[in-house]
């Protein structure tokens, strides 16, 4: 059997070497490219259909931001705080989130391709109805995150805390959860067919689905 998690390759952001420092608070356009935005706060921003291409955010805090229909292409977020930011209906392609605080990040109805979340806190994040393809969550906390009726295609969860995650209505076929930890998951019987789990997790899954384990 081929291990899909091992052959999954995420396309990295295509980033030029000559990025220009940019003050987001002085922006005059809804399109920002080839820029580095660092060591600042972006507060109470409400904007739709803003586009970021070939942009690095470093040590940036977003305060109560709403960026519905955002387009992110070839973007890196490093040590940023995007807690409770609204990226609903966004289109996100070749993007990396590294060492970020993403509590309550809203990606409902978003389309994500070739996205990496690494060492991030995504507790209570929302991915409801999102379309996720060729993505990796590595060493992340996703406690109480919501993937209600999300579409998964070539997803990898590695060494993540998935306690109390909601996978209801989401098909986990081909998804490998064997390196992850959880005490409780919210899911339906048809969600788990083809999901890869460890032997210990399999007992937990059986209990979650109402089976009684006889020792």
Foldseek 3Di string as FASTA:
>chain_A
DDQLLVVQDFDAQDADPQADEDDPVPDDDLEEESHEYEDEEAEPAEDEAREYHRYEYYHYEYHNAEYEQYEYGRYEYYQYECALYHDEQYEHGNYEYELYEHDQYEHDNYEYGRYEYENYEHAQHEHDQYEDESYEYECYEHALYEHHLYEYYSYEYAAYEHEAYECANYAQASYECARYDYQDYHYAPRRCVNYHYDPVVVVSVCVNHPHDDDD
